[in-house]
PDB file of N, CA and C in Angstrom:
ATOM      1  N   MET A   1      19.931 -67.803 -61.911  1.00  0.00           N
ATOM      2  CA  MET A   1      19.541 -66.602 -61.210  1.00  0.00           C
ATOM      3  C   MET A   1      18.063 -66.314 -61.469  1.00  0.00           C
ATOM      4  N   THR A   2      17.395 -65.810 -60.440  1.00  0.00           N
ATOM      5  CA  THR A   2      16.011 -65.404 -60.564  1.00  0.00           C
ATOM      6  C   THR A   2      15.932 -63.896 -60.373  1.00  0.00           C
ATOM      7  N   ASP A   3      14.719 -63.405 -60.262  1.00  0.00           N
ATOM      8  CA  ASP A   3      14.533 -61.979 -59.980  1.00  0.00           C
ATOM      9  C   ASP A   3      14.613 -61.698 -58.492  1.00  0.00           C
ATOM     10  N   HIS A   4      14.981 -62.694 -57.706  1.00  0.00           N
ATOM     11  CA  HIS A   4      15.044 -62.557 -56.255  1.00  0.00           C
ATOM     12  C   HIS A   4      16.466 -62.815 -55.772  1.00  0.00           C
ATOM     13  N   PRO A   5      17.313 -61.754 -55.719  1.00  0.00           N
ATOM     14  CA  PRO A   5      18.716 -61.937 -55.357  1.00  0.00           C
ATOM     15  C   PRO A   5      18.926 -62.611 -54.006  1.00  0.00           C
ATOM     16  N   LEU A   6      18.059 -62.334 -53.024  1.00  0.00           N
ATOM     17  CA  LEU A   6      18.237 -62.956 -51.720  1.00  0.00           C
ATOM     18  C   LEU A   6      18.036 -64.461 -51.814  1.00  0.00           C
ATOM     19  N   ALA A   7      17.022 -64.885 -52.557  1.00  0.00           N
ATOM     20  CA  ALA A   7      16.786 -66.320 -52.737  1.00  0.00           C
ATOM     21  C   ALA A   7      17.967 -66.959 -53.457  1.00  0.00           C
ATOM     22  N   ASP A   8      18.472 -66.287 -54.489  1.00  0.00           N
ATOM     23  CA  ASP A   8      19.628 -66.808 -55.210  1.00  0.00           C
ATOM     24  C   ASP A   8      20.846 -66.893 -54.296  1.00  0.00           C
ATOM     25  N   LEU A   9      21.027 -65.855 -53.483  1.00  0.00           N
ATOM     26  CA  LEU A   9      22.160 -65.803 -52.571  1.00  0.00           C
ATOM     27  C   LEU A   9      22.097 -66.958 -51.581  1.00  0.00           C
ATOM     28  N   LEU A  10      20.918 -67.200 -51.031  1.00  0.00           N
ATOM     29  CA  LEU A  10      20.771 -68.280 -50.061  1.00  0.00           C
ATOM     30  C   LEU A  10      20.944 -69.645 -50.728  1.00  0.00           C
ATOM     31  N   HIS A  11      20.406 -69.786 -51.939  1.00  0.00           N
ATOM     32  CA  HIS A  11      20.498 -71.066 -52.639  1.00  0.00           C
ATOM     33  C   HIS A  11      21.928 -71.404 -53.042  1.00  0.00           C
ATOM     34  N   ALA A  12      22.668 -70.427 -53.527  1.00  0.00           N
ATOM     35  CA  ALA A  12      24.004 -70.697 -54.044  1.00  0.00           C
ATOM     36  C   ALA A  12      25.098 -70.288 -53.076  1.00  0.00           C
ATOM     37  N   GLY A  13      24.745 -69.986 -51.848  1.00  0.00           N
ATOM     38  CA  GLY A  13      25.719 -69.532 -50.865  1.00  0.00           C
ATOM     39  C   GLY A  13      26.681 -70.623 -50.450  1.00  0.00           C
ATOM     40  N   ILE A  14      27.306 -70.437 -49.320  1.00  0.00           N
ATOM     41  CA  ILE A  14      28.319 -71.368 -48.842  1.00  0.00           C
ATOM     42  C   ILE A  14      27.763 -72.780 -48.840  1.00  0.00           C
ATOM     43  N   GLY A  15      28.448 -73.662 -49.532  1.00  0.00           N
ATOM     44  CA  GLY A  15      28.039 -75.057 -49.597  1.00  0.00           C
ATOM     45  C   GLY A  15      26.972 -75.326 -50.632  1.00  0.00           C
ATOM     46  N   GLY A  16      26.439 -74.299 -51.286  1.00  0.00           N
ATOM     47  CA  GLY A  16      25.419 -74.507 -52.305  1.00  0.00           C
ATOM     48  C   GLY A  16      26.052 -75.062 -53.564  1.00  0.00           C
ATOM     49  N   VAL A  17      25.310 -75.857 -54.307  1.00  0.00           N
ATOM     50  CA  VAL A  17      25.819 -76.416 -55.553  1.00  0.00           C
ATOM     51  C   VAL A  17      25.514 -75.433 -56.674  1.00  0.00           C
ATOM     52  N   LEU A  18      26.528 -75.067 -57.422  1.00  0.00           N
ATOM     53  CA  LEU A  18      26.375 -74.123 -58.513  1.00  0.00           C
ATOM     54  C   LEU A  18      25.992 -74.862 -59.787  1.00  0.00           C
ATOM     55  N   PRO A  19      25.425 -74.149 -60.786  1.00  0.00           N
ATOM     56  CA  PRO A  19      25.010 -74.801 -62.026  1.00  0.00           C
ATOM     57  C   PRO A  19      26.110 -75.592 -62.711  1.00  0.00           C
ATOM     58  N   ASP A  20      27.367 -75.175 -62.563  1.00  0.00           N
ATOM     59  CA  ASP A  20      28.458 -75.893 -63.215  1.00  0.00           C
ATOM     60  C   ASP A  20      28.903 -77.109 -62.407  1.00  0.00           C
ATOM     61  N   GLY A  21      28.200 -77.407 -61.316  1.00  0.00           N
ATOM     62  CA  GLY A  21      28.536 -78.562 -60.496  1.00  0.00           C
ATOM     63  C   GLY A  21      29.512 -78.256 -59.380  1.00  0.00           C
ATOM     64  N   GLY A  22      30.068 -77.041 -59.368  1.00  0.00           N
ATOM     65  CA  GLY A  22      31.004 -76.669 -58.317  1.00  0.00           C
ATOM     66  C   GLY A  22      30.274 -76.303 -57.040  1.00  0.00           C
ATOM     67  N   LEU A  23      31.046 -76.060 -56.012  1.00  0.00           N
ATOM     68  CA  LEU A  23      30.460 -75.656 -54.744  1.00  0.00           C
ATOM     69  C   LEU A  23      30.637 -74.165 -54.563  1.00  0.00           C
ATOM     70  N   GLY A  24      29.575 -73.512 -54.107  1.00  0.00           N
ATOM     71  CA  GLY A  24      29.665 -72.090 -53.801  1.00  0.00           C
ATOM     72  C   GLY A  24      30.459 -71.924 -52.516  1.00  0.00           C
ATOM     73  N   VAL A  25      31.396 -71.024 -52.498  1.00  0.00           N
ATOM     74  CA  VAL A  25      32.204 -70.827 -51.297  1.00  0.00           C
ATOM     75  C   VAL A  25      32.244 -69.367 -50.896  1.00  0.00           C
ATOM     76  N   GLY A  26      31.170 -68.658 -51.143  1.00  0.00           N
ATOM     77  CA  GLY A  26      31.181 -67.267 -50.750  1.00  0.00           C
ATOM     78  C   GLY A  26      29.955 -66.528 -51.207  1.00  0.00           C
ATOM     79  N   LEU A  27      30.000 -65.242 -50.970  1.00  0.00           N
ATOM     80  CA  LEU A  27      28.910 -64.358 -51.331  1.00  0.00           C
ATOM     81  C   LEU A  27      29.416 -63.356 -52.350  1.00  0.00           C
ATOM     82  N   ASP A  28      28.633 -63.115 -53.358  1.00  0.00           N
ATOM     83  CA  ASP A  28      29.013 -62.166 -54.395  1.00  0.00           C
ATOM     84  C   ASP A  28      28.697 -60.749 -53.902  1.00  0.00           C
ATOM     85  N   PRO A  29      29.703 -59.881 -53.817  1.00  0.00           N
ATOM     86  CA  PRO A  29      29.467 -58.507 -53.358  1.00  0.00           C
ATOM     87  C   PRO A  29      28.413 -57.769 -54.172  1.00  0.00           C
ATOM     88  N   ASP A  30      28.300 -58.086 -55.462  1.00  0.00           N
ATOM     89  CA  ASP A  30      27.278 -57.434 -56.286  1.00  0.00           C
ATOM     90  C   ASP A  30      25.874 -57.839 -55.841  1.00  0.00           C
ATOM     91  N   ASP A  31      25.696 -59.118 -55.493  1.00  0.00           N
ATOM     92  CA  ASP A  31      24.400 -59.576 -54.994  1.00  0.00           C
ATOM     93  C   ASP A  31      24.059 -58.902 -53.666  1.00  0.00           C
ATOM     94  N   ILE A  32      25.057 -58.787 -52.811  1.00  0.00           N
ATOM     95  CA  ILE A  32      24.838 -58.136 -51.520  1.00  0.00           C
ATOM     96  C   ILE A  32      24.467 -56.675 -51.737  1.00  0.00           C
ATOM     97  N   ALA A  33      25.115 -56.017 -52.672  1.00  0.00           N
ATOM     98  CA  ALA A  33      24.816 -54.610 -52.963  1.00  0.00           C
ATOM     99  C   ALA A  33      23.386 -54.447 -53.465  1.00  0.00           C
ATOM    100  N   VAL A  34      22.917 -55.388 -54.284  1.00  0.00           N
ATOM    101  CA  VAL A  34      21.541 -55.336 -54.790  1.00  0.00           C
ATOM    102  C   VAL A  34      20.554 -55.454 -53.632  1.00  0.00           C
ATOM    103  N   ILE A  35      20.798 -56.400 -52.742  1.00  0.00           N
ATOM    104  CA  ILE A  35      19.906 -56.598 -51.602  1.00  0.00           C
ATOM    105  C   ILE A  35      19.905 -55.361 -50.706  1.00  0.00           C
ATOM    106  N   ALA A  36      21.081 -54.830 -50.416  1.00  0.00           N
ATOM    107  CA  ALA A  36      21.169 -53.631 -49.568  1.00  0.00           C
ATOM    108  C   ALA A  36      20.429 -52.461 -50.215  1.00  0.00           C
ATOM    109  N   ALA A  37      20.572 -52.300 -51.518  1.00  0.00           N
ATOM    110  CA  ALA A  37      19.885 -51.209 -52.221  1.00  0.00           C
ATOM    111  C   ALA A  37      18.370 -51.398 -52.170  1.00  0.00           C
ATOM    112  N   GLN A  38      17.921 -52.649 -52.319  1.00  0.00           N
ATOM    113  CA  GLN A  38      16.483 -52.916 -52.249  1.00  0.00           C
ATOM    114  C   GLN A  38      15.947 -52.605 -50.849  1.00  0.00           C
ATOM    115  N   TRP A  39      16.669 -53.003 -49.824  1.00  0.00           N
ATOM    116  CA  TRP A  39      16.224 -52.715 -48.459  1.00  0.00           C
ATOM    117  C   TRP A  39      16.176 -51.202 -48.231  1.00  0.00           C
ATOM    118  N   HIS A  40      17.174 -50.487 -48.751  1.00  0.00           N
ATOM    119  CA  HIS A  40      17.195 -49.027 -48.590  1.00  0.00           C
ATOM    120  C   HIS A  40      15.998 -48.399 -49.302  1.00  0.00           C
ATOM    121  N   THR A  41      15.748 -48.821 -50.530  1.00  0.00           N
ATOM    122  CA  THR A  41      14.609 -48.300 -51.291  1.00  0.00           C
ATOM    123  C   THR A  41      13.296 -48.583 -50.571  1.00  0.00           C
ATOM    124  N   GLN A  42      13.147 -49.811 -50.088  1.00  0.00           N
ATOM    125  CA  GLN A  42      11.905 -50.170 -49.402  1.00  0.00           C
ATOM    126  C   GLN A  42      11.742 -49.411 -48.091  1.00  0.00           C
ATOM    127  N   SER A  43      12.854 -49.064 -47.446  1.00  0.00           N
ATOM    128  CA  SER A  43      12.741 -48.275 -46.212  1.00  0.00           C
ATOM    129  C   SER A  43      12.111 -46.922 -46.522  1.00  0.00           C
ATOM    130  N   THR A  44      12.453 -46.349 -47.660  1.00  0.00           N
ATOM    131  CA  THR A  44      11.869 -45.068 -48.070  1.00  0.00           C
ATOM    132  C   THR A  44      10.397 -45.246 -48.433  1.00  0.00           C
ATOM    133  N   VAL A  45      10.092 -46.288 -49.181  1.00  0.00           N
ATOM    134  CA  VAL A  45       8.711 -46.544 -49.596  1.00  0.00           C
ATOM    135  C   VAL A  45       7.817 -46.733 -48.366  1.00  0.00           C
ATOM    136  N   VAL A  46       8.245 -47.563 -47.435  1.00  0.00           N
ATOM    137  CA  VAL A  46       7.449 -47.819 -46.234  1.00  0.00           C
ATOM    138  C   VAL A  46       7.303 -46.538 -45.413  1.00  0.00           C
ATOM    139  N   GLY A  47       8.379 -45.786 -45.299  1.00  0.00           N
ATOM    140  CA  GLY A  47       8.339 -44.552 -44.527  1.00  0.00           C
ATOM    141  C   GLY A  47       7.423 -43.492 -45.109  1.00  0.00           C
ATOM    142  N   GLU A  48       7.135 -43.587 -46.405  1.00  0.00           N
ATOM    143  CA  GLU A  48       6.287 -42.595 -47.071  1.00  0.00           C
ATOM    144  C   GLU A  48       4.833 -43.025 -47.202  1.00  0.00           C
ATOM    145  N   ILE A  49       4.466 -44.173 -46.654  1.00  0.00           N
ATOM    146  CA  ILE A  49       3.063 -44.602 -46.719  1.00  0.00           C
ATOM    147  C   ILE A  49       2.227 -43.623 -45.907  1.00  0.00           C
ATOM    148  N   ASP A  50       1.227 -43.071 -46.556  1.00  0.00           N
ATOM    149  CA  ASP A  50       0.369 -42.067 -45.920  1.00  0.00           C
ATOM    150  C   ASP A  50      -0.954 -42.707 -45.532  1.00  0.00           C
ATOM    151  N   LEU A  51      -1.204 -42.768 -44.249  1.00  0.00           N
ATOM    152  CA  LEU A  51      -2.441 -43.335 -43.736  1.00  0.00           C
ATOM    153  C   LEU A  51      -3.434 -42.250 -43.349  1.00  0.00           C
ATOM    154  N   GLY A  52      -3.115 -41.003 -43.651  1.00  0.00           N
ATOM    155  CA  GLY A  52      -3.950 -39.883 -43.246  1.00  0.00           C
ATOM    156  C   GLY A  52      -5.377 -39.965 -43.747  1.00  0.00           C
ATOM    157  N   ALA A  53      -5.578 -40.505 -44.932  1.00  0.00           N
ATOM    158  CA  ALA A  53      -6.935 -40.588 -45.490  1.00  0.00           C
ATOM    159  C   ALA A  53      -7.845 -41.447 -44.615  1.00  0.00           C
ATOM    160  N   LEU A  54      -7.264 -42.412 -43.921  1.00  0.00           N
ATOM    161  CA  LEU A  54      -8.093 -43.259 -43.061  1.00  0.00           C
ATOM    162  C   LEU A  54      -8.710 -42.474 -41.910  1.00  0.00           C
ATOM    163  N   ALA A  55      -8.021 -41.425 -41.466  1.00  0.00           N
ATOM    164  CA  ALA A  55      -8.538 -40.628 -40.359  1.00  0.00           C
ATOM    165  C   ALA A  55      -9.814 -39.879 -40.753  1.00  0.00           C
ATOM    166  N   ALA A  56     -10.042 -39.714 -42.035  1.00  0.00           N
ATOM    167  CA  ALA A  56     -11.210 -38.975 -42.511  1.00  0.00           C
ATOM    168  C   ALA A  56     -12.223 -39.868 -43.211  1.00  0.00           C
ATOM    169  N   VAL A  57     -12.196 -41.160 -42.910  1.00  0.00           N
ATOM    170  CA  VAL A  57     -13.135 -42.081 -43.549  1.00  0.00           C
ATOM    171  C   VAL A  57     -14.562 -41.654 -43.216  1.00  0.00           C
ATOM    172  N   PRO A  58     -15.374 -41.438 -44.247  1.00  0.00           N
ATOM    173  CA  PRO A  58     -16.765 -41.056 -43.967  1.00  0.00           C
ATOM    174  C   PRO A  58     -17.597 -42.284 -43.608  1.00  0.00           C
ATOM    175  N   GLY A  59     -18.619 -42.075 -42.900  1.00  0.00           N
ATOM    176  CA  GLY A  59     -19.522 -43.164 -42.566  1.00  0.00           C
ATOM    177  C   GLY A  59     -20.215 -42.916 -41.254  1.00  0.00           C
ATOM    178  N   PRO A  60     -21.258 -43.671 -41.025  1.00  0.00           N
ATOM    179  CA  PRO A  60     -21.995 -43.513 -39.776  1.00  0.00           C
ATOM    180  C   PRO A  60     -21.143 -44.003 -38.604  1.00  0.00           C
ATOM    181  N   ALA A  61     -21.452 -43.520 -37.436  1.00  0.00           N
ATOM    182  CA  ALA A  61     -20.709 -43.926 -36.245  1.00  0.00           C
ATOM    183  C   ALA A  61     -20.849 -45.430 -36.054  1.00  0.00           C
ATOM    184  N   SER A  62     -19.718 -46.103 -36.087  1.00  0.00           N
ATOM    185  CA  SER A  62     -19.703 -47.547 -35.841  1.00  0.00           C
ATOM    186  C   SER A  62     -18.317 -47.921 -35.357  1.00  0.00           C
ATOM    187  N   ARG A  63     -18.181 -49.113 -34.836  1.00  0.00           N
ATOM    188  CA  ARG A  63     -16.864 -49.554 -34.368  1.00  0.00           C
ATOM    189  C   ARG A  63     -15.895 -49.698 -35.532  1.00  0.00           C
ATOM    190  N   VAL A  64     -16.379 -50.114 -36.682  1.00  0.00           N
ATOM    191  CA  VAL A  64     -15.511 -50.288 -37.857  1.00  0.00           C
ATOM    192  C   VAL A  64     -14.968 -48.932 -38.313  1.00  0.00           C
ATOM    193  N   VAL A  65     -15.840 -47.945 -38.443  1.00  0.00           N
ATOM    194  CA  VAL A  65     -15.407 -46.617 -38.876  1.00  0.00           C
ATOM    195  C   VAL A  65     -14.469 -46.005 -37.828  1.00  0.00           C
ATOM    196  N   ALA A  66     -14.797 -46.190 -36.547  1.00  0.00           N
ATOM    197  CA  ALA A  66     -13.928 -45.668 -35.488  1.00  0.00           C
ATOM    198  C   ALA A  66     -12.553 -46.322 -35.544  1.00  0.00           C
ATOM    199  N   ALA A  67     -12.497 -47.624 -35.811  1.00  0.00           N
ATOM    200  CA  ALA A  67     -11.211 -48.333 -35.905  1.00  0.00           C
ATOM    201  C   ALA A  67     -10.407 -47.836 -37.097  1.00  0.00           C
ATOM    202  N   LEU A  68     -11.077 -47.633 -38.231  1.00  0.00           N
ATOM    203  CA  LEU A  68     -10.380 -47.112 -39.409  1.00  0.00           C
ATOM    204  C   LEU A  68      -9.818 -45.723 -39.141  1.00  0.00           C
ATOM    205  N   ARG A  69     -10.587 -44.887 -38.477  1.00  0.00           N
ATOM    206  CA  ARG A  69     -10.140 -43.528 -38.183  1.00  0.00           C
ATOM    207  C   ARG A  69      -8.976 -43.510 -37.187  1.00  0.00           C
ATOM    208  N   ALA A  70      -8.895 -44.527 -36.341  1.00  0.00           N
ATOM    209  CA  ALA A  70      -7.817 -44.599 -35.350  1.00  0.00           C
ATOM    210  C   ALA A  70      -6.556 -45.257 -35.910  1.00  0.00           C
ATOM    211  N   THR A  71      -6.662 -45.894 -37.053  1.00  0.00           N
ATOM    212  CA  THR A  71      -5.535 -46.634 -37.628  1.00  0.00           C
ATOM    213  C   THR A  71      -4.275 -45.799 -37.833  1.00  0.00           C
ATOM    214  N   PRO A  72      -4.370 -44.593 -38.398  1.00  0.00           N
ATOM    215  CA  PRO A  72      -3.130 -43.842 -38.664  1.00  0.00           C
ATOM    216  C   PRO A  72      -2.267 -43.633 -37.426  1.00  0.00           C
ATOM    217  N   GLU A  73      -2.885 -43.364 -36.305  1.00  0.00           N
ATOM    218  CA  GLU A  73      -2.111 -43.097 -35.095  1.00  0.00           C
ATOM    219  C   GLU A  73      -1.287 -44.311 -34.667  1.00  0.00           C
ATOM    220  N   SER A  74      -1.923 -45.481 -34.640  1.00  0.00           N
ATOM    221  CA  SER A  74      -1.196 -46.668 -34.185  1.00  0.00           C
ATOM    222  C   SER A  74      -0.296 -47.257 -35.276  1.00  0.00           C
ATOM    223  N   ALA A  75      -0.741 -47.207 -36.518  1.00  0.00           N
ATOM    224  CA  ALA A  75       0.034 -47.824 -37.595  1.00  0.00           C
ATOM    225  C   ALA A  75       1.240 -46.983 -38.006  1.00  0.00           C
ATOM    226  N   SER A  76       1.160 -45.678 -37.830  1.00  0.00           N
ATOM    227  CA  SER A  76       2.282 -44.816 -38.230  1.00  0.00           C
ATOM    228  C   SER A  76       3.561 -45.160 -37.476  1.00  0.00           C
ATOM    229  N   ALA A  77       3.431 -45.408 -36.184  1.00  0.00           N
ATOM    230  CA  ALA A  77       4.610 -45.777 -35.395  1.00  0.00           C
ATOM    231  C   ALA A  77       5.199 -47.093 -35.886  1.00  0.00           C
ATOM    232  N   CYS A  78       4.336 -48.024 -36.243  1.00  0.00           N
ATOM    233  CA  CYS A  78       4.799 -49.320 -36.759  1.00  0.00           C
ATOM    234  C   CYS A  78       5.524 -49.140 -38.095  1.00  0.00           C
ATOM    235  N   LEU A  79       4.935 -48.357 -38.989  1.00  0.00           N
ATOM    236  CA  LEU A  79       5.568 -48.114 -40.289  1.00  0.00           C
ATOM    237  C   LEU A  79       6.908 -47.403 -40.136  1.00  0.00           C
ATOM    238  N   ASP A  80       6.962 -46.431 -39.221  1.00  0.00           N
ATOM    239  CA  ASP A  80       8.229 -45.729 -38.966  1.00  0.00           C
ATOM    240  C   ASP A  80       9.294 -46.702 -38.472  1.00  0.00           C
ATOM    241  N   ASP A  81       8.897 -47.612 -37.587  1.00  0.00           N
ATOM    242  CA  ASP A  81       9.839 -48.595 -37.050  1.00  0.00           C
ATOM    243  C   ASP A  81      10.339 -49.533 -38.153  1.00  0.00           C
ATOM    244  N   ILE A  82       9.430 -50.014 -38.974  1.00  0.00           N
ATOM    245  CA  ILE A  82       9.818 -50.899 -40.081  1.00  0.00           C
ATOM    246  C   ILE A  82      10.762 -50.166 -41.030  1.00  0.00           C
ATOM    247  N   SER A  83      10.452 -48.915 -41.332  1.00  0.00           N
ATOM    248  CA  SER A  83      11.303 -48.117 -42.214  1.00  0.00           C
ATOM    249  C   SER A  83      12.708 -47.967 -41.636  1.00  0.00           C
ATOM    250  N   ARG A  84      12.785 -47.628 -40.351  1.00  0.00           N
ATOM    251  CA  ARG A  84      14.106 -47.469 -39.703  1.00  0.00           C
ATOM    252  C   ARG A  84      14.880 -48.791 -39.699  1.00  0.00           C
ATOM    253  N   ARG A  85      14.191 -49.887 -39.447  1.00  0.00           N
ATOM    254  CA  ARG A  85      14.866 -51.195 -39.416  1.00  0.00           C
ATOM    255  C   ARG A  85      15.387 -51.581 -40.795  1.00  0.00           C
ATOM    256  N   LEU A  86      14.582 -51.363 -41.831  1.00  0.00           N
ATOM    257  CA  LEU A  86      15.052 -51.667 -43.189  1.00  0.00           C
ATOM    258  C   LEU A  86      16.277 -50.829 -43.532  1.00  0.00           C
ATOM    259  N   HIS A  87      16.256 -49.564 -43.164  1.00  0.00           N
ATOM    260  CA  HIS A  87      17.409 -48.701 -43.443  1.00  0.00           C
ATOM    261  C   HIS A  87      18.634 -49.192 -42.674  1.00  0.00           C
ATOM    262  N   ALA A  88      18.452 -49.496 -41.394  1.00  0.00           N
ATOM    263  CA  ALA A  88      19.578 -49.981 -40.578  1.00  0.00           C
ATOM    264  C   ALA A  88      20.126 -51.291 -41.131  1.00  0.00           C
ATOM    265  N   MET A  89      19.236 -52.175 -41.574  1.00  0.00           N
ATOM    266  CA  MET A  89      19.693 -53.453 -42.144  1.00  0.00           C
ATOM    267  C   MET A  89      20.471 -53.222 -43.432  1.00  0.00           C
ATOM    268  N   SER A  90      20.046 -52.249 -44.259  1.00  0.00           N
ATOM    269  CA  SER A  90      20.766 -51.992 -45.508  1.00  0.00           C
ATOM    270  C   SER A  90      22.167 -51.461 -45.216  1.00  0.00           C
ATOM    271  N   VAL A  91      22.274 -50.574 -44.225  1.00  0.00           N
ATOM    272  CA  VAL A  91      23.592 -50.031 -43.847  1.00  0.00           C
ATOM    273  C   VAL A  91      24.470 -51.143 -43.281  1.00  0.00           C
ATOM    274  N   ALA A  92      23.889 -51.996 -42.432  1.00  0.00           N
ATOM    275  CA  ALA A  92      24.658 -53.098 -41.839  1.00  0.00           C
ATOM    276  C   ALA A  92      25.135 -54.072 -42.913  1.00  0.00           C
ATOM    277  N   LEU A  93      24.280 -54.345 -43.900  1.00  0.00           N
ATOM    278  CA  LEU A  93      24.667 -55.270 -44.972  1.00  0.00           C
ATOM    279  C   LEU A  93      25.772 -54.675 -45.834  1.00  0.00           C
ATOM    280  N   GLU A  94      25.704 -53.377 -46.105  1.00  0.00           N
ATOM    281  CA  GLU A  94      26.774 -52.713 -46.858  1.00  0.00           C
ATOM    282  C   GLU A  94      28.093 -52.791 -46.085  1.00  0.00           C
ATOM    283  N   CYS A  95      28.028 -52.578 -44.789  1.00  0.00           N
ATOM    284  CA  CYS A  95      29.226 -52.647 -43.941  1.00  0.00           C
ATOM    285  C   CYS A  95      29.782 -54.071 -43.931  1.00  0.00           C
ATOM    286  N   PHE A  96      28.885 -55.058 -43.790  1.00  0.00           N
ATOM    287  CA  PHE A  96      29.300 -56.461 -43.818  1.00  0.00           C
ATOM    288  C   PHE A  96      30.017 -56.775 -45.121  1.00  0.00           C
ATOM    289  N   SER A  97      29.443 -56.329 -46.231  1.00  0.00           N
ATOM    290  CA  SER A  97      30.030 -56.612 -47.541  1.00  0.00           C
ATOM    291  C   SER A  97      31.416 -55.997 -47.652  1.00  0.00           C
ATOM    292  N   SER A  98      31.541 -54.745 -47.251  1.00  0.00           N
ATOM    293  CA  SER A  98      32.829 -54.058 -47.329  1.00  0.00           C
ATOM    294  C   SER A  98      33.870 -54.752 -46.461  1.00  0.00           C
ATOM    295  N   THR A  99      33.476 -55.095 -45.248  1.00  0.00           N
ATOM    296  CA  THR A  99      34.388 -55.773 -44.325  1.00  0.00           C
ATOM    297  C   THR A  99      34.787 -57.140 -44.858  1.00  0.00           C
ATOM    298  N   SER A 100      33.809 -57.861 -45.425  1.00  0.00           N
ATOM    299  CA  SER A 100      34.094 -59.199 -45.959  1.00  0.00           C
ATOM    300  C   SER A 100      35.048 -59.148 -47.137  1.00  0.00           C
ATOM    301  N   VAL A 101      34.837 -58.183 -48.033  1.00  0.00           N
ATOM    302  CA  VAL A 101      35.720 -58.044 -49.198  1.00  0.00           C
ATOM    303  C   VAL A 101      37.137 -57.719 -48.732  1.00  0.00           C
ATOM    304  N   ASP A 102      37.263 -56.786 -47.794  1.00  0.00           N
ATOM    305  CA  ASP A 102      38.588 -56.435 -47.272  1.00  0.00           C
ATOM    306  C   ASP A 102      39.256 -57.636 -46.619  1.00  0.00           C
ATOM    307  N   SER A 103      38.500 -58.393 -45.840  1.00  0.00           N
ATOM    308  CA  SER A 103      39.037 -59.570 -45.165  1.00  0.00           C
ATOM    309  C   SER A 103      39.457 -60.629 -46.177  1.00  0.00           C
ATOM    310  N   ASP A 104      38.610 -60.855 -47.196  1.00  0.00           N
ATOM    311  CA  ASP A 104      38.940 -61.835 -48.232  1.00  0.00           C
ATOM    312  C   ASP A 104      40.224 -61.459 -48.962  1.00  0.00           C
ATOM    313  N   GLU A 105      40.379 -60.172 -49.274  1.00  0.00           N
ATOM    314  CA  GLU A 105      41.579 -59.725 -49.972  1.00  0.00           C
ATOM    315  C   GLU A 105      42.816 -59.926 -49.090  1.00  0.00           C
ATOM    316  N   HIS A 106      42.678 -59.658 -47.801  1.00  0.00           N
ATOM    317  CA  HIS A 106      43.794 -59.837 -46.869  1.00  0.00           C
ATOM    318  C   HIS A 106      44.196 -61.314 -46.793  1.00  0.00           C
ATOM    319  N   VAL A 107      43.214 -62.186 -46.650  1.00  0.00           N
ATOM    320  CA  VAL A 107      43.501 -63.626 -46.566  1.00  0.00           C
ATOM    321  C   VAL A 107      44.090 -64.122 -47.881  1.00  0.00           C
ATOM    322  N   ALA A 108      43.592 -63.621 -49.001  1.00  0.00           N
ATOM    323  CA  ALA A 108      44.131 -64.034 -50.302  1.00  0.00           C
ATOM    324  C   ALA A 108      45.604 -63.651 -50.430  1.00  0.00           C
ATOM    325  N   ARG A 109      45.971 -62.469 -49.931  1.00  0.00           N
ATOM    326  CA  ARG A 109      47.385 -62.071 -49.972  1.00  0.00           C
ATOM    327  C   ARG A 109      48.234 -63.013 -49.129  1.00  0.00           C
ATOM    328  N   ILE A 110      47.732 -63.397 -47.961  1.00  0.00           N
ATOM    329  CA  ILE A 110      48.478 -64.325 -47.107  1.00  0.00           C
ATOM    330  C   ILE A 110      48.679 -65.658 -47.809  1.00  0.00           C
ATOM    331  N   PHE A 111      47.609 -66.175 -48.424  1.00  0.00           N
ATOM    332  CA  PHE A 111      47.749 -67.437 -49.148  1.00  0.00           C
ATOM    333  C   PHE A 111      48.701 -67.262 -50.348  1.00  0.00           C
ATOM    334  N   GLY A 112      48.697 -66.083 -50.956  1.00  0.00           N
ATOM    335  CA  GLY A 112      49.612 -65.810 -52.054  1.00  0.00           C
ATOM    336  C   GLY A 112      51.060 -65.896 -51.622  1.00  0.00           C
ATOM    337  N   PHE A 113      51.370 -65.443 -50.411  1.00  0.00           N
ATOM    338  CA  PHE A 113      52.729 -65.528 -49.893  1.00  0.00           C
ATOM    339  C   PHE A 113      53.135 -66.978 -49.660  1.00  0.00           C
ATOM    340  N   MET A 114      52.180 -67.829 -49.329  1.00  0.00           N
ATOM    341  CA  MET A 114      52.479 -69.237 -49.047  1.00  0.00           C
ATOM    342  C   MET A 114      52.718 -70.046 -50.312  1.00  0.00           C
ATOM    343  N   SER A 115      52.306 -69.563 -51.447  1.00  0.00           N
ATOM    344  CA  SER A 115      52.411 -70.357 -52.685  1.00  0.00           C
ATOM    345  C   SER A 115      53.865 -70.623 -53.063  1.00  0.00           C
ATOM    346  N   GLU A 116      54.791 -69.821 -52.592  1.00  0.00           N
ATOM    347  CA  GLU A 116      56.187 -70.005 -52.928  1.00  0.00           C
ATOM    348  C   GLU A 116      56.843 -71.068 -52.061  1.00  0.00           C
ATOM    349  N   ARG A 117      56.163 -71.554 -51.086  1.00  0.00           N
ATOM    350  CA  ARG A 117      56.762 -72.544 -50.162  1.00  0.00           C
ATOM    351  C   ARG A 117      56.560 -73.943 -50.640  1.00  0.00           C
TER     352      ARG A 117
END
């Protein structure tokens, strides 16, 4: 495991070779929860980026200063969109994890019934 759960998840995911030599055959709900939490946290961080100071950049009239002063207006919409997407992705990943765990438990019960045959 590294400090990057998504990289670990992709490396050891379905068909990935695990350190013990076995094959990975699933996703760990705890890893998914970490990724979803990180996306949620980052959605807040991105949404709180304040570009207002750029609108008041001092300097002589020039294209560079004018571009810096115009940045907040155009970049704010982009940051808002990125923030909303990160939040939506975190919610979708949490839903995926919950649905997958429920489905896995259901299939495991079915296979459990077959063990007596």
